[in-house]
Amino acid sequence: PNPPESLRALPSSEIYLKSRRTRQRFMPILQANLEQALAEFDAGVVQHGHHEFDITATDLNTAGEAAARVFGVDRVDRVTHLETATLDDLVRKVTALVESEVSGQKFAVRVRRNGSHSWKSKEAEIALGNALIGKSAGVDLTNPQVTVRVRVEGNRAAIVSKSWKGPAGLPVGTQSPALVLLSGGIDSPVAAWMMMRRGCPIDMLHFQLECNQADHALAVGHQLIERWGYGADTTLHVIDFEPVKKELTAAVHPRLRQVMLKQLMTQASHEAARRLKLPLIVTGDSLGQVSSQTAANLVEIDKFAGAPLLRPLIANTKQEIVDRARQIGTY
């Protein structure tokens, strides 16, 4: 019979660095978010040791992709589980599983172990390397084409067959909630994504100026939350600002309209946040990107803020923001 397989989710290094008390608060939140992400895969999520999760699912590859979109997850590994009695037994079983993968490739072996063994991790790496080298294109410890990763705990071993890189950061729900101003452009969904990666559940607020723009903003917001919003419990709010824009057009000099529109939006967003009991407000502003985002104009806009405005993209270039939007699927 084929050896059993499962997924193993590794939390971000930031969680490891927290105090024990904080880790004990963060890990159940991360587990709940993983369970939400994997609900459609008939998955089971069980904490493994102090810092990892074992995941069983009907479709491991699809479930691995979903788990790797949960904030607070650094990496998801698909692992094959083996029973091993001795080092020779470990080498024989691992070699049988991975020899086709290293065939014709430059490879490296990485072994981690927990428990009491008569051999060291380095000895296991050398033994596996010797067993595989004749089937490969040689060893490359610096830039291997294939890395054979083995984790041994007592008389059990887990061989990593596939990995997905997660977004890292903090689990959504471990920080205060935020209201993100969603324009419908490229920048604000990226700002929302970055705040969720810092552990903030979010609501989104769109100021409707044109019907088509509102429809697009709703679609982008839905796409963002559908793909990344595990644990966020997001509501998207819309305020009709077209009457305000018409009044500004009629009464204000063209050179001042855009900044004044942003001032009034800022004032309205803080009132909305107060009513919604959301302590943080987030925008997609990037310093100097457009005329309303110059340092001088941002100072004037902030005079209408009831609390500090968070701008996670403030020092990013446009290309960096576009690259991130492509990565997260909102471009």
Protein backbone atom coordinates (compact mmCIF):
# COMPACT_ATOMS: atom_id res chain seq x y z
CA PRO A 1 0.00 0.00 0.00
CA ASN A 2 1.04 3.61 -0.60
CA PRO A 3 2.33 5.42 2.51
CA PRO A 4 -0.18 7.86 4.05
CA GLU A 5 0.01 11.53 3.09
CA SER A 6 -1.17 14.77 4.68
CA LEU A 7 -0.42 18.49 4.71
CA ARG A 8 1.61 20.29 7.32
CA ALA A 9 1.16 24.05 7.76
CA LEU A 10 4.01 25.99 9.34
CA PRO A 11 3.18 29.34 10.97
CA SER A 12 5.18 32.47 10.17
CA SER A 13 8.40 33.20 12.01
CA GLU A 14 6.71 36.22 13.59
CA ILE A 15 4.47 33.90 15.58
CA TYR A 16 7.48 31.89 16.80
CA LEU A 17 9.04 35.11 18.13
CA LYS A 18 6.05 36.01 20.29
CA SER A 19 5.87 35.23 23.98
CA ARG A 20 4.36 31.91 25.00
CA ARG A 21 1.21 33.65 26.20
CA THR A 22 0.80 35.47 22.86
CA ARG A 23 1.45 32.29 20.87
CA GLN A 24 -1.22 30.51 22.88
CA ARG A 25 -3.66 33.25 21.82
CA PHE A 26 -2.58 33.37 18.15
CA MET A 27 -2.48 29.65 17.35
CA PRO A 28 -6.22 28.90 17.93
CA ILE A 29 -7.09 31.91 15.75
CA LEU A 30 -4.81 30.62 13.00
CA GLN A 31 -6.35 27.15 13.31
CA ALA A 32 -9.88 28.59 12.98
CA ASN A 33 -8.85 30.54 9.86
CA LEU A 34 -7.31 27.40 8.35
CA GLU A 35 -10.51 25.48 9.07
CA GLN A 36 -12.53 28.19 7.32
CA ALA A 37 -10.22 28.11 4.29
CA LEU A 38 -10.46 24.31 4.08
CA ALA A 39 -14.14 23.83 4.91
CA GLU A 40 -15.06 22.74 1.36
CA PHE A 41 -12.35 20.05 1.28
CA ASP A 42 -13.72 17.92 4.15
CA ALA A 43 -10.48 18.77 5.94
CA GLY A 44 -9.33 18.13 9.46
CA VAL A 45 -6.89 20.57 11.11
CA VAL A 46 -5.01 19.41 14.22
CA GLN A 47 -2.20 21.24 15.98
CA HIS A 48 1.03 19.24 15.78
CA GLY A 49 3.40 20.02 18.63
CA HIS A 50 3.57 23.68 19.63
CA HIS A 51 4.03 25.37 16.25
CA GLU A 52 2.53 23.39 13.38
CA PHE A 53 -0.73 22.00 12.03
CA ASP A 54 -1.44 18.63 10.43
CA ILE A 55 -4.13 18.79 7.75
CA THR A 56 -6.03 15.90 6.18
CA ALA A 57 -8.23 16.54 3.14
CA THR A 58 -9.87 14.79 0.21
CA ASP A 59 -7.81 16.78 -2.32
CA LEU A 60 -4.41 17.58 -0.82
CA ASN A 61 -3.10 19.72 -3.70
CA THR A 62 -6.15 22.00 -3.85
CA ALA A 63 -6.31 22.16 -0.07
CA GLY A 64 -2.60 23.04 0.04
CA GLU A 65 -3.18 25.98 -2.31
CA ALA A 66 -6.04 27.24 -0.13
CA ALA A 67 -4.11 26.83 3.14
CA ALA A 68 -1.24 28.83 1.60
CA ARG A 69 -3.60 31.82 1.28
CA VAL A 70 -4.16 32.04 5.04
CA PHE A 71 -2.36 34.93 6.71
CA GLY A 72 0.02 33.73 9.40
CA VAL A 73 1.06 30.66 7.38
CA ASP A 74 4.67 30.67 6.20
CA ARG A 75 4.63 27.41 4.23
CA VAL A 76 2.43 24.41 3.56
CA ASP A 77 4.12 21.07 2.88
CA ARG A 78 2.60 17.95 1.41
CA VAL A 79 4.26 15.13 3.34
CA THR A 80 4.47 11.36 3.09
CA HIS A 81 4.61 9.53 6.42
CA LEU A 82 6.88 6.56 7.07
CA GLU A 83 7.68 4.25 9.97
CA THR A 84 11.46 3.89 10.35
CA ALA A 85 13.32 1.57 12.71
CA THR A 86 16.95 2.34 11.83
CA LEU A 87 18.99 4.75 9.74
CA ASP A 88 19.36 2.07 7.04
CA ASP A 89 15.59 1.63 7.03
CA LEU A 90 15.10 5.40 6.69
CA VAL A 91 17.56 5.61 3.79
CA ARG A 92 15.97 2.69 1.96
CA LYS A 93 12.41 3.97 2.26
CA VAL A 94 13.21 7.61 1.46
CA THR A 95 15.34 6.62 -1.54
CA ALA A 96 12.49 4.55 -2.98
CA LEU A 97 10.15 7.54 -2.69
CA VAL A 98 12.37 10.32 -4.12
CA GLU A 99 14.77 8.67 -6.57
CA SER A 100 12.56 9.51 -9.58
CA GLU A 101 12.39 13.14 -8.44
CA VAL A 102 16.19 13.58 -8.28
CA SER A 103 16.84 11.63 -11.50
CA GLY A 104 19.06 13.80 -13.74
CA GLN A 105 18.85 16.75 -11.29
CA LYS A 106 21.30 18.54 -9.01
CA PHE A 107 20.07 17.86 -5.49
CA ALA A 108 20.59 18.49 -1.79
CA VAL A 109 19.32 16.65 1.29
CA ARG A 110 18.09 18.37 4.45
CA VAL A 111 17.23 16.30 7.53
CA ARG A 112 15.75 17.56 10.80
CA ARG A 113 15.11 15.25 13.71
CA ASN A 114 13.54 15.22 17.16
CA GLY A 115 13.99 12.47 19.71
CA SER A 116 16.71 10.05 20.63
CA HIS A 117 18.59 8.37 17.77
CA SER A 118 21.93 6.61 17.40
CA TRP A 119 22.76 8.90 14.47
CA LYS A 120 22.93 12.64 13.82
CA SER A 121 21.04 14.65 11.18
CA LYS A 122 24.27 15.22 9.24
CA GLU A 123 24.92 11.46 9.12
CA ALA A 124 21.45 10.89 7.67
CA GLU A 125 22.03 13.59 5.04
CA ILE A 126 25.31 11.96 3.98
CA ALA A 127 23.77 8.48 3.86
CA LEU A 128 20.82 9.68 1.77
CA GLY A 129 23.13 11.66 -0.49
CA ASN A 130 25.28 8.59 -1.12
CA ALA A 131 22.19 6.50 -1.92
CA LEU A 132 20.81 9.05 -4.39
CA ILE A 133 23.90 10.45 -6.09
CA GLY A 134 24.16 7.68 -8.67
CA LYS A 135 20.64 8.48 -9.91
CA SER A 136 21.20 12.25 -10.08
CA ALA A 137 23.29 14.87 -11.86
CA GLY A 138 25.26 15.41 -8.66
CA VAL A 139 25.02 17.31 -5.37
CA ASP A 140 24.60 21.09 -5.18
CA LEU A 141 24.21 22.38 -1.64
CA THR A 142 24.04 26.06 -2.69
CA ASN A 143 21.46 26.14 -5.48
CA PRO A 144 19.94 22.66 -5.90
CA GLN A 145 17.28 21.91 -8.49
CA VAL A 146 15.67 19.49 -6.03
CA THR A 147 15.84 19.58 -2.24
CA VAL A 148 14.96 16.36 -0.44
CA ARG A 149 13.54 17.41 2.92
CA VAL A 150 13.06 14.82 5.66
CA ARG A 151 11.79 15.38 9.20
CA VAL A 152 12.22 12.59 11.75
CA GLU A 153 10.39 12.38 15.08
CA GLY A 154 11.20 9.25 17.04
CA ASN A 155 10.54 6.31 14.75
CA ARG A 156 8.40 8.31 12.33
CA ALA A 157 9.58 10.27 9.31
CA ALA A 158 7.83 12.81 7.07
CA ILE A 159 9.16 13.39 3.54
CA VAL A 160 8.14 16.62 1.86
CA SER A 161 6.90 16.00 -1.68
CA LYS A 162 5.55 19.48 -2.50
CA SER A 163 5.48 22.93 -0.89
CA TRP A 164 3.42 26.10 -1.21
CA LYS A 165 4.73 29.46 0.02
CA GLY A 166 2.28 31.24 2.28
CA PRO A 167 1.83 35.01 2.85
CA ALA A 168 3.33 34.85 6.39
CA GLY A 169 2.39 37.82 8.58
CA LEU A 170 -0.07 37.49 11.47
CA PRO A 171 -3.39 35.61 11.61
CA VAL A 172 -6.41 37.75 10.77
CA GLY A 173 -8.20 38.49 14.03
CA THR A 174 -5.13 39.03 16.18
CA GLN A 175 -5.12 42.83 15.70
CA SER A 176 -7.75 45.57 15.79
CA PRO A 177 -10.23 45.80 12.89
CA ALA A 178 -9.84 48.44 10.19
CA LEU A 179 -12.01 50.29 7.68
CA VAL A 180 -10.27 50.33 4.29
CA LEU A 181 -11.27 53.00 1.76
CA LEU A 182 -11.77 51.07 -1.49
CA SER A 183 -11.55 53.24 -4.60
CA GLY A 184 -11.88 50.58 -7.28
CA GLY A 185 -8.34 51.22 -8.54
CA ILE A 186 -5.21 49.11 -8.20
CA ASP A 187 -3.82 50.55 -4.96
CA SER A 188 -6.51 50.21 -2.29
CA PRO A 189 -7.05 46.42 -2.62
CA VAL A 190 -3.30 45.99 -2.11
CA ALA A 191 -3.49 48.20 1.00
CA ALA A 192 -6.37 46.04 2.26
CA TRP A 193 -4.35 42.87 1.65
CA MET A 194 -1.37 44.30 3.54
CA MET A 195 -3.52 45.17 6.56
CA MET A 196 -5.02 41.68 6.66
CA ARG A 197 -1.48 40.30 6.54
CA ARG A 198 -0.80 42.31 9.71
CA GLY A 199 -3.70 40.52 11.43
CA CYS A 200 -6.47 43.12 10.97
CA PRO A 201 -10.00 42.06 10.08
CA ILE A 202 -11.34 44.63 7.60
CA ASP A 203 -14.50 46.25 6.41
CA MET A 204 -14.34 48.23 3.17
CA LEU A 205 -15.91 51.57 2.32
CA HIS A 206 -16.50 52.82 -1.22
CA PHE A 207 -17.56 56.37 -2.06
CA GLN A 208 -19.81 56.04 -5.09
CA LEU A 209 -19.20 58.71 -7.73
CA GLU A 210 -20.10 56.75 -10.87
CA CYS A 211 -22.18 53.59 -11.16
CA ASN A 212 -19.61 51.73 -13.27
CA GLN A 213 -16.83 52.57 -10.84
CA ALA A 214 -18.91 51.27 -7.92
CA ASP A 215 -19.65 47.99 -9.69
CA HIS A 216 -15.95 47.52 -10.37
CA ALA A 217 -14.99 48.32 -6.77
CA LEU A 218 -17.52 45.79 -5.50
CA ALA A 219 -16.16 43.13 -7.85
CA VAL A 220 -12.54 43.74 -6.85
CA GLY A 221 -13.44 43.78 -3.15
CA HIS A 222 -15.33 40.51 -3.51
CA GLN A 223 -12.41 38.91 -5.35
CA LEU A 224 -9.97 40.00 -2.63
CA ILE A 225 -12.06 38.63 0.24
CA GLU A 226 -13.05 35.46 -1.59
CA ARG A 227 -9.39 34.60 -2.10
CA TRP A 228 -7.71 36.00 1.03
CA GLY A 229 -10.31 36.98 3.61
CA TYR A 230 -10.33 33.94 5.89
CA GLY A 231 -11.17 35.20 9.37
CA ALA A 232 -11.94 38.74 8.20
CA ASP A 233 -15.79 38.57 8.16
CA THR A 234 -15.84 41.57 5.81
CA THR A 235 -18.71 43.90 4.96
CA LEU A 236 -18.43 46.36 2.08
CA HIS A 237 -20.19 49.68 2.68
CA VAL A 238 -21.13 52.21 -0.03
CA ILE A 239 -21.77 55.93 0.44
CA ASP A 240 -23.33 57.87 -2.42
CA PHE A 241 -20.98 60.84 -2.86
CA GLU A 242 -22.21 62.01 -6.25
CA PRO A 243 -24.24 64.91 -4.75
CA VAL A 244 -21.11 66.12 -2.92
CA LYS A 245 -19.09 66.00 -6.15
CA LYS A 246 -21.76 68.04 -7.96
CA GLU A 247 -21.72 70.72 -5.24
CA LEU A 248 -17.92 70.93 -5.42
CA THR A 249 -18.02 71.23 -9.21
CA ALA A 250 -20.50 74.11 -8.94
CA ALA A 251 -18.87 76.03 -6.09
CA VAL A 252 -15.11 75.30 -5.94
CA HIS A 253 -12.20 76.31 -8.15
CA PRO A 254 -11.03 73.31 -10.28
CA ARG A 255 -7.52 73.43 -8.80
CA LEU A 256 -8.91 72.77 -5.30
CA ARG A 257 -11.70 70.28 -6.04
CA GLN A 258 -9.74 67.02 -5.77
CA VAL A 259 -8.13 67.84 -2.44
CA MET A 260 -11.41 69.13 -1.02
CA LEU A 261 -13.19 65.98 -2.22
CA LYS A 262 -10.57 63.89 -0.38
CA GLN A 263 -10.99 66.06 2.73
CA LEU A 264 -14.74 65.46 2.77
CA MET A 265 -14.28 61.73 2.13
CA THR A 266 -11.85 61.61 5.04
CA GLN A 267 -14.31 63.35 7.31
CA ALA A 268 -17.14 61.02 6.23
CA SER A 269 -15.01 57.88 6.60
CA HIS A 270 -14.15 58.75 10.19
CA GLU A 271 -17.82 59.25 10.98
CA ALA A 272 -18.59 55.88 9.36
CA ALA A 273 -15.77 54.21 11.32
CA ARG A 274 -17.07 55.71 14.55
CA ARG A 275 -20.55 54.33 13.92
CA LEU A 276 -19.16 50.93 12.95
CA LYS A 277 -16.81 50.89 15.99
CA LEU A 278 -13.73 50.39 13.80
CA PRO A 279 -10.64 52.06 15.34
CA LEU A 280 -8.40 52.10 12.24
CA ILE A 281 -8.84 53.74 8.83
CA VAL A 282 -6.67 52.72 5.89
CA THR A 283 -6.12 54.28 2.46
CA GLY A 284 -4.13 53.26 -0.60
CA ASP A 285 -2.22 56.55 -0.82
CA SER A 286 1.35 56.45 -2.14
CA LEU A 287 3.45 59.56 -1.61
CA GLY A 288 3.60 61.72 -4.73
CA GLN A 289 1.79 59.26 -6.98
CA VAL A 290 -0.91 61.80 -7.96
CA SER A 291 -1.43 65.45 -7.15
CA SER A 292 -3.73 64.79 -4.20
CA GLN A 293 -1.06 62.56 -2.66
CA THR A 294 1.79 65.05 -2.44
CA ALA A 295 3.14 65.58 1.06
CA ALA A 296 1.60 69.04 1.28
CA ASN A 297 -1.84 67.84 0.19
CA LEU A 298 -1.79 64.82 2.48
CA VAL A 299 -1.13 67.20 5.38
CA GLU A 300 -4.20 69.24 4.40
CA ILE A 301 -6.35 66.11 3.98
CA ASP A 302 -5.31 64.78 7.39
CA LYS A 303 -6.67 67.92 9.05
CA PHE A 304 -10.13 66.46 8.38
CA ALA A 305 -9.29 63.10 9.99
CA GLY A 306 -10.78 62.23 13.37
CA ALA A 307 -7.91 59.81 14.07
CA PRO A 308 -4.64 58.76 12.41
CA LEU A 309 -4.92 57.47 8.85
CA LEU A 310 -2.84 54.38 8.05
CA ARG A 311 -1.19 54.32 4.61
CA PRO A 312 0.63 50.98 4.15
CA LEU A 313 1.65 51.87 0.56
CA ILE A 314 3.04 55.30 1.36
CA ALA A 315 6.64 54.56 0.24
CA ASN A 316 5.89 52.03 -2.52
CA THR A 317 6.47 52.75 -6.19
CA LYS A 318 3.62 52.24 -8.63
CA GLN A 319 5.38 49.24 -10.16
CA GLU A 320 5.77 47.61 -6.75
CA ILE A 321 2.05 48.07 -6.13
CA VAL A 322 1.17 46.66 -9.57
CA ASP A 323 3.43 43.65 -8.97
CA ARG A 324 1.74 42.95 -5.66
CA ALA A 325 -1.73 43.34 -7.23
CA ARG A 326 -0.80 40.76 -9.85
CA GLN A 327 0.49 38.42 -7.15
CA ILE A 328 -2.66 38.57 -5.03
CA GLY A 329 -5.07 38.40 -8.00
CA THR A 330 -6.69 41.85 -7.90
CA TYR A 331 -4.86 43.50 -10.82
